Amino acid sequence: MAQQAEIHVSRKIFEGAQAPSADQPAAPAPHLRQHVWFASDYDGGTAPSPTFEWQLHGNYSYEGKTATGTAHVYLAPGHRNLERPLILADGFNYGPSDLPGLWEHFDKKEGGRFLTRLRDSGIDIILLGFDERHTYIQANAGVAAACIDRAAAERIGSEPLIVGGVSMGGMITRYALARMEYEDLDHQTGTYFSWDTPHQGAWIPLVLQQMAYFFEAFIPEVPGSPKQAELVRSPAAQQLLWAWVENSKYEGPVATSSRLRVDFLRELAGYGNFPRRPKKIGVANGHGAGVGLKLTPGETAFDWKNQYNTVSAKAVVQPDKGEKEPIGSMHIALEIRRSSTTAVPALDGVPGGTLGSFGMVAKALGIEVDDRFDSTCFVPAVSAVALDFDPVTWDIDPALDISSIGRDRSHLDDFLCDNDNSPHSEPRRALTEFLVDHFVG
């Protein structure tokens, strides 16, 4: 039986030490400020005005939460009504969706003008956004179901819908379609697609999750503004991340530490895991031939202390399994915490869509790090292409050469990986071409 993935924390109080004086700040001001860690914004730009805008309320609630959202509808040239609808759901982040930003992101010239090419081929684009991207996947799936129902009702003719999403948007629509089938509701969808969706889970380094909680307590609150650990403690993060910790002191299992993820996986399995009627396709921003990032398990990403030695932070690239392998430490004033993990794979450097995790935290702390350490894997390629393995035990080599295995190893009917490890959800020409070819025929 595989050893359970766990995190361990040791705490030391410096006896006799004194708290920092007024001219020796406990926090490395002005760098630490109240802002949400691990959130990212789309690049700016100007999106075209939508033909229609829909205000949506979820078809069902979850944990008492009925989610809401907005859809921007862009009819294809020459269309006066919906004829060939494609729904693209927004993904993991904090706060409300930025639909103009989502358009600009996926219609970059260097990425192959994904949305423009689809419209020019006669496909009507529906960008689906959520008012709280960080809430329960099930609640936002209710919004997706409402969008699917409206698109089917307003469509002229009988062309099947194309439904999917980027990042967690792929999980939201996957859940919505599977639940509709379970409830014998006709979603009228012919193709489901996902773009770098963490079907089996995503990854944010555990030591960085701990730092988000730890340093948050020493930052003056700004009324009405979210705290820096709000995204990592959110329901969406708990359901999305394969390994999660609830605070900087937590010790124990990391793959089942949140009831929300355990419950979500059970519910999804109860609905059949994936929708069965549509064709299922996906793309991954991770390298498909098992080539990972240039990060060595166990090497130090940053090791910093302020000039007064009242604050320090050390982050280590996730070691490859082992027992009580150090992953870093954090210290303010009178207390230091050191962390280690057991049986946690070296996910920082595996092939996958990347997130600037170390870079974000280093910038927040005012630390300079080598560019090599800016990004880590966020969505492993084996997860993005929905290979068939246990989403809790992760009984798979996360650096697997996917190009050497058959399509029967995946829950998807067809998929394509990038030829590099590109930023999570980044439109790449090869990925754009693959999806356009499937949609347009």
Protein backbone atom coordinates (compact mmCIF):
# COMPACT_ATOMS: atom_id res chain seq x y z
CA MET A 1 0.00 0.00 0.00
CA ALA A 2 1.35 3.43 -0.98
CA GLN A 3 2.48 5.68 1.85
CA GLN A 4 0.12 8.59 2.56
CA ALA A 5 1.28 12.05 1.49
CA GLU A 6 1.69 14.21 4.60
CA ILE A 7 3.12 17.49 5.85
CA HIS A 8 4.93 18.02 9.16
CA VAL A 9 5.59 21.27 11.04
CA SER A 10 7.99 21.97 13.89
CA ARG A 11 7.70 25.20 15.87
CA LYS A 12 10.34 26.87 18.01
CA ILE A 13 9.87 29.81 20.36
CA PHE A 14 12.96 31.91 21.01
CA GLU A 15 13.08 32.18 24.79
CA GLY A 16 14.17 35.56 26.04
CA ALA A 17 13.96 37.19 22.63
CA GLN A 18 12.29 40.54 22.37
CA ALA A 19 9.69 41.68 19.90
CA PRO A 20 10.94 44.13 17.25
CA SER A 21 11.13 47.78 18.26
CA ALA A 22 9.37 50.54 16.34
CA ASP A 23 12.40 51.03 14.08
CA GLN A 24 12.77 47.29 13.52
CA PRO A 25 9.53 46.25 11.80
CA ALA A 26 8.36 42.68 12.16
CA ALA A 27 7.28 42.59 8.53
CA PRO A 28 9.54 43.51 5.62
CA ALA A 29 7.57 46.72 4.87
CA PRO A 30 6.82 48.18 2.45
CA HIS A 31 6.84 44.94 0.49
CA LEU A 32 4.19 43.05 2.43
CA ARG A 33 0.78 44.52 1.77
CA GLN A 34 -2.72 43.17 1.71
CA HIS A 35 -3.31 41.54 -1.66
CA VAL A 36 -4.38 38.09 -2.78
CA TRP A 37 -1.49 35.69 -3.39
CA PHE A 38 -1.54 33.35 -6.41
CA ALA A 39 -4.22 35.38 -8.21
CA SER A 40 -3.39 36.56 -11.72
CA ASP A 41 -5.04 38.98 -14.10
CA TYR A 42 -5.47 38.76 -17.84
CA ASP A 43 -3.41 41.15 -19.89
CA GLY A 44 -5.15 44.36 -20.85
CA GLY A 45 -6.46 45.20 -24.27
CA THR A 46 -9.70 46.02 -26.02
CA ALA A 47 -12.30 43.35 -26.68
CA PRO A 48 -15.15 43.80 -29.15
CA SER A 49 -18.56 44.66 -27.75
CA PRO A 50 -20.72 41.56 -27.27
CA THR A 51 -23.88 41.15 -29.34
CA PHE A 52 -25.81 40.18 -26.21
CA GLU A 53 -25.11 40.06 -22.47
CA TRP A 54 -26.85 37.54 -20.26
CA GLN A 55 -27.23 37.80 -16.49
CA LEU A 56 -27.35 34.29 -15.09
CA HIS A 57 -28.47 32.69 -11.82
CA GLY A 58 -27.51 29.14 -10.97
CA ASN A 59 -30.01 26.38 -11.70
CA TYR A 60 -29.19 24.93 -8.29
CA SER A 61 -27.38 25.90 -5.11
CA TYR A 62 -24.62 24.23 -3.13
CA GLU A 63 -24.03 24.56 0.61
CA GLY A 64 -26.71 27.25 0.56
CA LYS A 65 -24.84 29.19 -2.15
CA THR A 66 -26.65 30.06 -5.38
CA ALA A 67 -23.98 31.46 -7.66
CA THR A 68 -24.47 34.12 -10.32
CA GLY A 69 -22.59 35.04 -13.45
CA THR A 70 -22.56 36.83 -16.77
CA ALA A 71 -22.23 35.62 -20.35
CA HIS A 72 -21.04 37.71 -23.30
CA VAL A 73 -22.45 36.46 -26.57
CA TYR A 74 -20.60 37.18 -29.83
CA LEU A 75 -22.55 36.12 -32.89
CA ALA A 76 -20.62 34.97 -35.93
CA PRO A 77 -20.61 37.32 -38.94
CA GLY A 78 -23.94 37.13 -40.76
CA HIS A 79 -25.79 35.58 -37.83
CA ARG A 80 -28.78 37.38 -36.32
CA ASN A 81 -29.42 34.64 -33.77
CA LEU A 82 -27.47 31.84 -32.13
CA GLU A 83 -26.91 29.07 -34.64
CA ARG A 84 -23.69 27.25 -33.65
CA PRO A 85 -23.07 28.10 -29.96
CA LEU A 86 -19.73 27.46 -28.23
CA ILE A 87 -19.55 28.14 -24.49
CA LEU A 88 -16.11 28.89 -23.00
CA ALA A 89 -16.20 29.07 -19.19
CA ASP A 90 -13.67 31.12 -17.23
CA GLY A 91 -11.34 29.43 -14.76
CA PHE A 92 -9.65 29.56 -11.35
CA ASN A 93 -9.00 32.95 -9.79
CA TYR A 94 -10.27 35.31 -7.13
CA GLY A 95 -13.33 37.54 -7.51
CA PRO A 96 -15.45 38.20 -10.59
CA SER A 97 -14.54 37.18 -14.12
CA ASP A 98 -13.07 39.71 -16.51
CA LEU A 99 -14.80 38.74 -19.75
CA PRO A 100 -13.16 41.41 -21.94
CA GLY A 101 -9.83 40.23 -20.55
CA LEU A 102 -10.79 36.62 -21.26
CA TRP A 103 -11.53 37.55 -24.88
CA GLU A 104 -8.22 39.34 -25.28
CA HIS A 105 -6.35 36.47 -23.68
CA PHE A 106 -7.68 33.84 -26.07
CA ASP A 107 -7.61 36.02 -29.14
CA LYS A 108 -3.92 36.93 -29.04
CA LYS A 109 -2.27 37.07 -32.44
CA GLU A 110 0.66 34.98 -31.26
CA GLY A 111 -1.80 32.35 -30.00
CA GLY A 112 -3.54 31.97 -33.35
CA ARG A 113 -6.59 34.24 -32.84
CA PHE A 114 -8.61 31.37 -31.37
CA LEU A 115 -11.93 33.20 -30.95
CA THR A 116 -11.79 35.21 -34.16
CA ARG A 117 -11.04 32.08 -36.18
CA LEU A 118 -14.02 30.30 -34.63
CA ARG A 119 -16.37 33.22 -35.35
CA ASP A 120 -15.11 33.53 -38.90
CA SER A 121 -15.93 29.84 -39.39
CA GLY A 122 -19.55 30.43 -38.34
CA ILE A 123 -19.34 29.53 -34.64
CA ASP A 124 -21.06 31.83 -32.13
CA ILE A 125 -18.91 32.46 -29.04
CA ILE A 126 -20.38 32.61 -25.53
CA LEU A 127 -17.87 33.63 -22.87
CA LEU A 128 -19.16 32.49 -19.48
CA GLY A 129 -18.00 34.34 -16.38
CA PHE A 130 -18.71 33.97 -12.67
CA ASP A 131 -19.25 36.63 -10.03
CA GLU A 132 -17.20 34.58 -7.55
CA ARG A 133 -14.66 32.44 -9.32
CA HIS A 134 -13.37 31.28 -5.94
CA THR A 135 -16.61 29.73 -4.67
CA TYR A 136 -17.71 26.08 -4.85
CA ILE A 137 -17.32 24.37 -8.22
CA GLN A 138 -20.81 22.90 -7.79
CA ALA A 139 -22.36 26.35 -7.27
CA ASN A 140 -20.73 27.80 -10.38
CA ALA A 141 -21.74 24.64 -12.26
CA GLY A 142 -25.31 25.75 -11.60
CA VAL A 143 -24.51 28.94 -13.52
CA ALA A 144 -22.99 26.87 -16.33
CA ALA A 145 -26.14 24.73 -16.49
CA ALA A 146 -28.25 27.89 -16.75
CA CYS A 147 -26.05 29.13 -19.59
CA ILE A 148 -26.33 25.79 -21.41
CA ASP A 149 -30.12 25.84 -21.07
CA ARG A 150 -30.37 29.40 -22.39
CA ALA A 151 -28.03 28.74 -25.31
CA ALA A 152 -30.03 25.67 -26.31
CA ALA A 153 -33.33 27.55 -25.98
CA GLU A 154 -32.22 30.57 -28.05
CA ARG A 155 -30.38 28.60 -30.71
CA ILE A 156 -31.97 28.51 -34.15
CA GLY A 157 -31.83 25.05 -35.68
CA SER A 158 -30.47 21.86 -34.17
CA GLU A 159 -26.69 22.27 -34.30
CA PRO A 160 -25.27 20.62 -31.15
CA LEU A 161 -23.63 22.88 -28.57
CA ILE A 162 -19.89 22.94 -27.91
CA VAL A 163 -19.31 23.36 -24.17
CA GLY A 164 -16.14 23.58 -22.11
CA GLY A 165 -13.75 25.88 -20.36
CA VAL A 166 -10.28 26.94 -19.44
CA SER A 167 -8.62 25.82 -16.23
CA MET A 168 -11.30 25.22 -13.58
CA GLY A 169 -13.90 26.29 -16.15
CA GLY A 170 -13.37 22.86 -17.65
CA MET A 171 -14.16 21.27 -14.30
CA ILE A 172 -17.25 23.44 -13.84
CA THR A 173 -18.68 22.49 -17.24
CA ARG A 174 -17.62 18.86 -16.85
CA TYR A 175 -19.59 18.66 -13.59
CA ALA A 176 -22.57 20.54 -15.05
CA LEU A 177 -22.87 18.27 -18.10
CA ALA A 178 -22.37 15.07 -16.08
CA ARG A 179 -25.01 16.14 -13.56
CA MET A 180 -27.48 17.05 -16.32
CA GLU A 181 -27.07 13.60 -17.82
CA TYR A 182 -27.53 11.95 -14.42
CA GLU A 183 -30.74 13.94 -13.95
CA ASP A 184 -31.87 12.96 -17.46
CA LEU A 185 -31.76 16.54 -18.72
CA ASP A 186 -30.95 17.14 -22.37
CA HIS A 187 -27.88 19.38 -22.54
CA GLN A 188 -27.88 19.17 -26.35
CA THR A 189 -24.08 19.20 -26.33
CA GLY A 190 -22.13 17.39 -29.02
CA THR A 191 -18.60 18.25 -27.89
CA TYR A 192 -17.06 18.90 -24.47
CA PHE A 193 -13.60 20.50 -24.35
CA SER A 194 -11.07 21.57 -21.74
CA TRP A 195 -8.03 23.86 -21.89
CA ASP A 196 -5.34 22.96 -19.34
CA THR A 197 -8.01 21.83 -16.91
CA PRO A 198 -6.82 20.11 -13.71
CA HIS A 199 -9.02 17.06 -14.15
CA GLN A 200 -7.11 15.10 -11.51
CA GLY A 201 -5.89 18.07 -9.47
CA ALA A 202 -3.60 21.10 -9.52
CA TRP A 203 -0.51 22.03 -7.49
CA ILE A 204 0.72 25.03 -5.52
CA PRO A 205 3.87 24.35 -3.44
CA LEU A 206 2.86 23.53 0.12
CA VAL A 207 5.49 25.76 1.69
CA LEU A 208 4.13 28.72 -0.27
CA GLN A 209 0.59 27.95 0.85
CA GLN A 210 1.88 28.00 4.43
CA MET A 211 3.62 31.34 3.89
CA ALA A 212 0.40 32.87 2.58
CA TYR A 213 -1.29 32.05 5.90
CA PHE A 214 1.71 32.78 8.10
CA PHE A 215 2.60 36.27 6.87
CA GLU A 216 -1.04 37.29 6.45
CA ALA A 217 -1.39 37.62 10.22
CA PHE A 218 1.26 40.36 10.30
CA ILE A 219 -0.22 42.59 7.60
CA PRO A 220 -2.54 45.46 8.62
CA GLU A 221 -6.03 44.72 7.36
CA VAL A 222 -7.68 46.91 4.76
CA PRO A 223 -11.43 46.93 5.45
CA GLY A 224 -13.41 45.47 2.56
CA SER A 225 -10.33 44.00 0.86
CA PRO A 226 -9.55 40.28 0.71
CA LYS A 227 -6.58 38.96 2.67
CA GLN A 228 -3.55 37.44 0.99
CA ALA A 229 -4.54 33.81 1.71
CA GLU A 230 -8.14 34.24 0.58
CA LEU A 231 -7.64 32.42 -2.72
CA VAL A 232 -5.72 29.48 -1.28
CA ARG A 233 -8.29 29.03 1.52
CA SER A 234 -11.26 29.42 -0.85
CA PRO A 235 -13.67 26.55 -1.62
CA ALA A 236 -12.43 26.48 -5.22
CA ALA A 237 -8.80 26.00 -4.15
CA GLN A 238 -9.74 23.29 -1.68
CA GLN A 239 -11.59 21.40 -4.41
CA LEU A 240 -8.99 22.02 -7.10
CA LEU A 241 -5.63 21.42 -5.41
CA TRP A 242 -4.37 17.87 -5.03
CA ALA A 243 -2.43 18.88 -1.89
CA TRP A 244 -3.82 21.60 0.39
CA VAL A 245 -3.21 22.88 3.93
CA GLU A 246 -5.70 24.84 6.00
CA ASN A 247 -3.15 27.00 7.84
CA SER A 248 0.59 27.33 8.51
CA LYS A 249 0.45 25.02 11.54
CA TYR A 250 -1.42 22.12 9.94
CA GLU A 251 0.13 18.65 10.10
CA GLY A 252 -1.24 15.51 8.52
CA PRO A 253 -2.52 14.20 5.17
CA VAL A 254 -2.52 16.74 2.34
CA ALA A 255 -4.47 14.95 -0.40
CA THR A 256 -7.59 14.50 1.75
CA SER A 257 -7.14 17.40 4.17
CA SER A 258 -10.20 19.23 2.82
CA ARG A 259 -13.65 17.72 3.11
CA LEU A 260 -14.64 19.87 0.13
CA ARG A 261 -12.33 18.03 -2.28
CA VAL A 262 -13.29 14.61 -0.93
CA ASP A 263 -17.00 15.45 -1.28
CA PHE A 264 -16.53 16.94 -4.76
CA LEU A 265 -14.71 13.89 -6.08
CA ARG A 266 -17.39 11.62 -4.61
CA GLU A 267 -20.21 13.66 -6.15
CA LEU A 268 -18.51 13.77 -9.53
CA ALA A 269 -17.99 10.01 -9.48
CA GLY A 270 -21.67 9.59 -8.60
CA TYR A 271 -22.61 11.50 -11.75
CA GLY A 272 -20.44 9.27 -13.91
CA ASN A 273 -17.20 11.27 -13.54
CA PHE A 274 -17.43 12.67 -17.09
CA PRO A 275 -20.37 13.38 -19.38
CA ARG A 276 -20.85 10.39 -21.64
CA ARG A 277 -22.89 11.72 -24.55
CA PRO A 278 -20.55 14.37 -26.00
CA LYS A 279 -17.23 13.80 -27.68
CA LYS A 280 -14.55 14.84 -25.16
CA ILE A 281 -11.36 16.62 -26.18
CA GLY A 282 -8.72 18.63 -24.35
CA VAL A 283 -5.42 20.47 -24.61
CA ALA A 284 -2.60 20.79 -22.09
CA ASN A 285 -0.02 23.54 -21.67
CA GLY A 286 2.45 20.96 -20.40
CA HIS A 287 5.09 19.18 -22.47
CA GLY A 288 3.74 15.92 -23.83
CA ALA A 289 6.99 13.98 -23.95
CA GLY A 290 7.84 13.95 -20.25
CA VAL A 291 10.17 16.98 -20.30
CA GLY A 292 9.80 18.98 -17.10
CA LEU A 293 11.08 22.29 -15.74
CA LYS A 294 14.73 22.81 -14.82
CA LEU A 295 14.12 22.52 -11.10
CA THR A 296 16.01 20.03 -8.95
CA PRO A 297 13.99 18.45 -6.11
CA GLY A 298 15.31 19.63 -2.75
CA GLU A 299 17.27 22.67 -4.00
CA THR A 300 16.69 26.05 -2.37
CA ALA A 301 14.55 28.50 -4.34
CA PHE A 302 15.13 31.36 -1.87
CA ASP A 303 16.55 31.75 1.62
CA TRP A 304 16.06 35.26 2.95
CA LYS A 305 16.05 37.27 6.17
CA ASN A 306 15.60 40.98 6.73
CA GLN A 307 18.39 43.23 7.98
CA TYR A 308 17.18 43.03 11.57
CA ASN A 309 16.94 39.24 11.53
CA THR A 310 13.36 39.55 12.73
CA VAL A 311 11.83 38.01 9.63
CA SER A 312 12.98 35.15 7.42
CA ALA A 313 11.59 32.90 4.73
CA LYS A 314 13.08 29.84 3.06
CA ALA A 315 11.46 27.88 0.24
CA VAL A 316 12.76 24.60 -1.15
CA VAL A 317 11.81 22.98 -4.45
CA GLN A 318 9.51 20.10 -3.50
CA PRO A 319 11.58 16.96 -2.80
CA ASP A 320 10.66 13.71 -4.50
CA LYS A 321 8.72 11.74 -1.92
CA GLY A 322 10.96 10.51 0.93
CA GLU A 323 10.20 10.84 4.63
CA LYS A 324 10.15 14.18 6.46
CA GLU A 325 12.03 15.92 3.64
CA PRO A 326 12.52 19.67 4.42
CA ILE A 327 10.53 22.09 2.24
CA GLY A 328 11.29 25.39 3.99
CA SER A 329 10.75 27.62 6.97
CA MET A 330 9.24 30.96 8.02
CA HIS A 331 9.98 33.19 10.96
CA ILE A 332 8.77 36.42 12.47
CA ALA A 333 10.08 37.81 15.75
CA LEU A 334 9.81 35.15 18.47
CA GLU A 335 8.79 32.06 16.51
CA ILE A 336 10.15 29.96 13.64
CA ARG A 337 8.31 27.17 11.84
CA ARG A 338 10.04 24.52 9.77
CA SER A 339 8.15 22.26 7.41
CA SER A 340 8.78 18.88 5.80
CA THR A 341 6.80 16.39 3.76
CA THR A 342 6.51 12.63 3.46
CA ALA A 343 5.58 10.80 0.25
CA VAL A 344 4.82 14.00 -1.68
CA PRO A 345 6.08 13.77 -5.28
CA ALA A 346 8.36 16.43 -6.78
CA LEU A 347 5.53 18.24 -8.55
CA ASP A 348 7.23 21.64 -8.81
CA GLY A 349 9.24 20.58 -11.85
CA VAL A 350 7.04 18.04 -13.64
CA PRO A 351 5.67 18.71 -17.14
CA GLY A 352 2.66 20.97 -16.97
CA GLY A 353 1.11 24.38 -17.38
CA THR A 354 3.11 26.74 -15.18
CA LEU A 355 2.30 29.39 -12.58
CA GLY A 356 4.76 31.96 -11.26
CA SER A 357 4.35 30.65 -7.70
CA PHE A 358 7.84 31.19 -6.26
CA GLY A 359 8.15 34.43 -8.21
CA MET A 360 4.87 35.81 -6.85
CA VAL A 361 5.79 35.06 -3.25
CA ALA A 362 9.34 36.33 -3.64
CA LYS A 363 8.04 39.61 -5.08
CA ALA A 364 5.55 39.97 -2.23
CA LEU A 365 8.38 39.54 0.30
CA GLY A 366 10.75 41.82 -1.60
CA ILE A 367 13.13 38.97 -2.45
CA GLU A 368 15.18 38.68 -5.61
CA VAL A 369 15.42 35.16 -7.01
CA ASP A 370 16.96 33.57 -10.06
CA ASP A 371 14.56 33.55 -13.03
CA ARG A 372 14.75 29.76 -13.05
CA PHE A 373 12.74 29.68 -9.84
CA ASP A 374 9.97 32.05 -10.89
CA SER A 375 7.55 29.38 -12.05
CA THR A 376 6.53 25.90 -10.98
CA CYS A 377 4.11 23.41 -12.46
CA PHE A 378 0.50 24.31 -11.69
CA VAL A 379 -1.47 21.80 -13.77
CA PRO A 380 0.55 18.63 -14.44
CA ALA A 381 0.12 17.41 -18.01
CA VAL A 382 -1.05 13.99 -16.76
CA SER A 383 -3.91 15.81 -15.03
CA ALA A 384 -4.75 18.16 -17.92
CA VAL A 385 -5.20 15.27 -20.37
CA ALA A 386 -7.32 13.38 -17.81
CA LEU A 387 -5.27 10.21 -17.64
CA ASP A 388 -7.07 7.48 -15.73
CA PHE A 389 -5.55 7.37 -12.24
CA ASP A 390 -6.68 7.88 -8.66
CA PRO A 391 -7.07 11.64 -8.01
CA VAL A 392 -6.29 11.15 -4.31
CA THR A 393 -3.37 8.70 -4.21
CA TRP A 394 -1.91 9.90 -7.52
CA ASP A 395 -0.70 6.41 -8.38
CA ILE A 396 1.06 7.59 -11.53
CA ASP A 397 4.43 8.99 -12.59
CA PRO A 398 3.68 12.74 -12.93
CA ALA A 399 6.60 13.03 -15.39
CA LEU A 400 5.19 10.33 -17.66
CA ASP A 401 5.99 10.56 -21.37
CA ILE A 402 2.40 10.96 -22.53
CA SER A 403 3.39 10.76 -26.19
CA SER A 404 4.34 7.10 -25.70
CA ILE A 405 0.95 5.91 -24.42
CA GLY A 406 -2.37 5.24 -26.12
CA ARG A 407 -5.47 7.43 -26.04
CA ASP A 408 -7.25 4.65 -24.14
CA ARG A 409 -5.35 5.74 -21.00
CA SER A 410 -7.35 9.00 -20.96
CA HIS A 411 -10.97 9.82 -20.08
CA LEU A 412 -10.87 12.13 -23.11
CA ASP A 413 -11.47 10.89 -26.64
CA ASP A 414 -8.63 13.00 -28.00
CA PHE A 415 -6.10 15.48 -26.63
CA LEU A 416 -2.96 17.42 -27.47
CA CYS A 417 -0.08 18.54 -25.27
CA ASP A 418 2.15 21.53 -25.92
CA ASN A 419 5.71 21.07 -27.18
CA ASP A 420 6.95 23.05 -24.18
CA ASN A 421 5.87 23.85 -20.63
CA SER A 422 4.00 27.07 -21.24
CA PRO A 423 2.14 29.32 -18.78
CA HIS A 424 -1.12 27.84 -17.58
CA SER A 425 -4.00 28.54 -20.02
CA GLU A 426 -1.69 30.36 -22.44
CA PRO A 427 -3.07 30.12 -26.02
CA ARG A 428 -0.48 28.36 -28.16
CA ARG A 429 -0.81 28.01 -31.93
CA ALA A 430 -0.64 24.22 -31.94
CA LEU A 431 -3.34 23.98 -29.26
CA THR A 432 -5.52 26.51 -31.07
CA GLU A 433 -5.18 24.62 -34.36
CA PHE A 434 -6.08 21.35 -32.68
CA LEU A 435 -9.33 22.69 -31.19
CA VAL A 436 -10.33 24.68 -34.26
CA ASP A 437 -9.89 21.59 -36.43
CA HIS A 438 -12.13 19.60 -34.10
CA PHE A 439 -14.82 22.28 -33.90
CA VAL A 440 -14.90 23.35 -37.52
CA GLY A 441 -14.25 19.96 -39.09
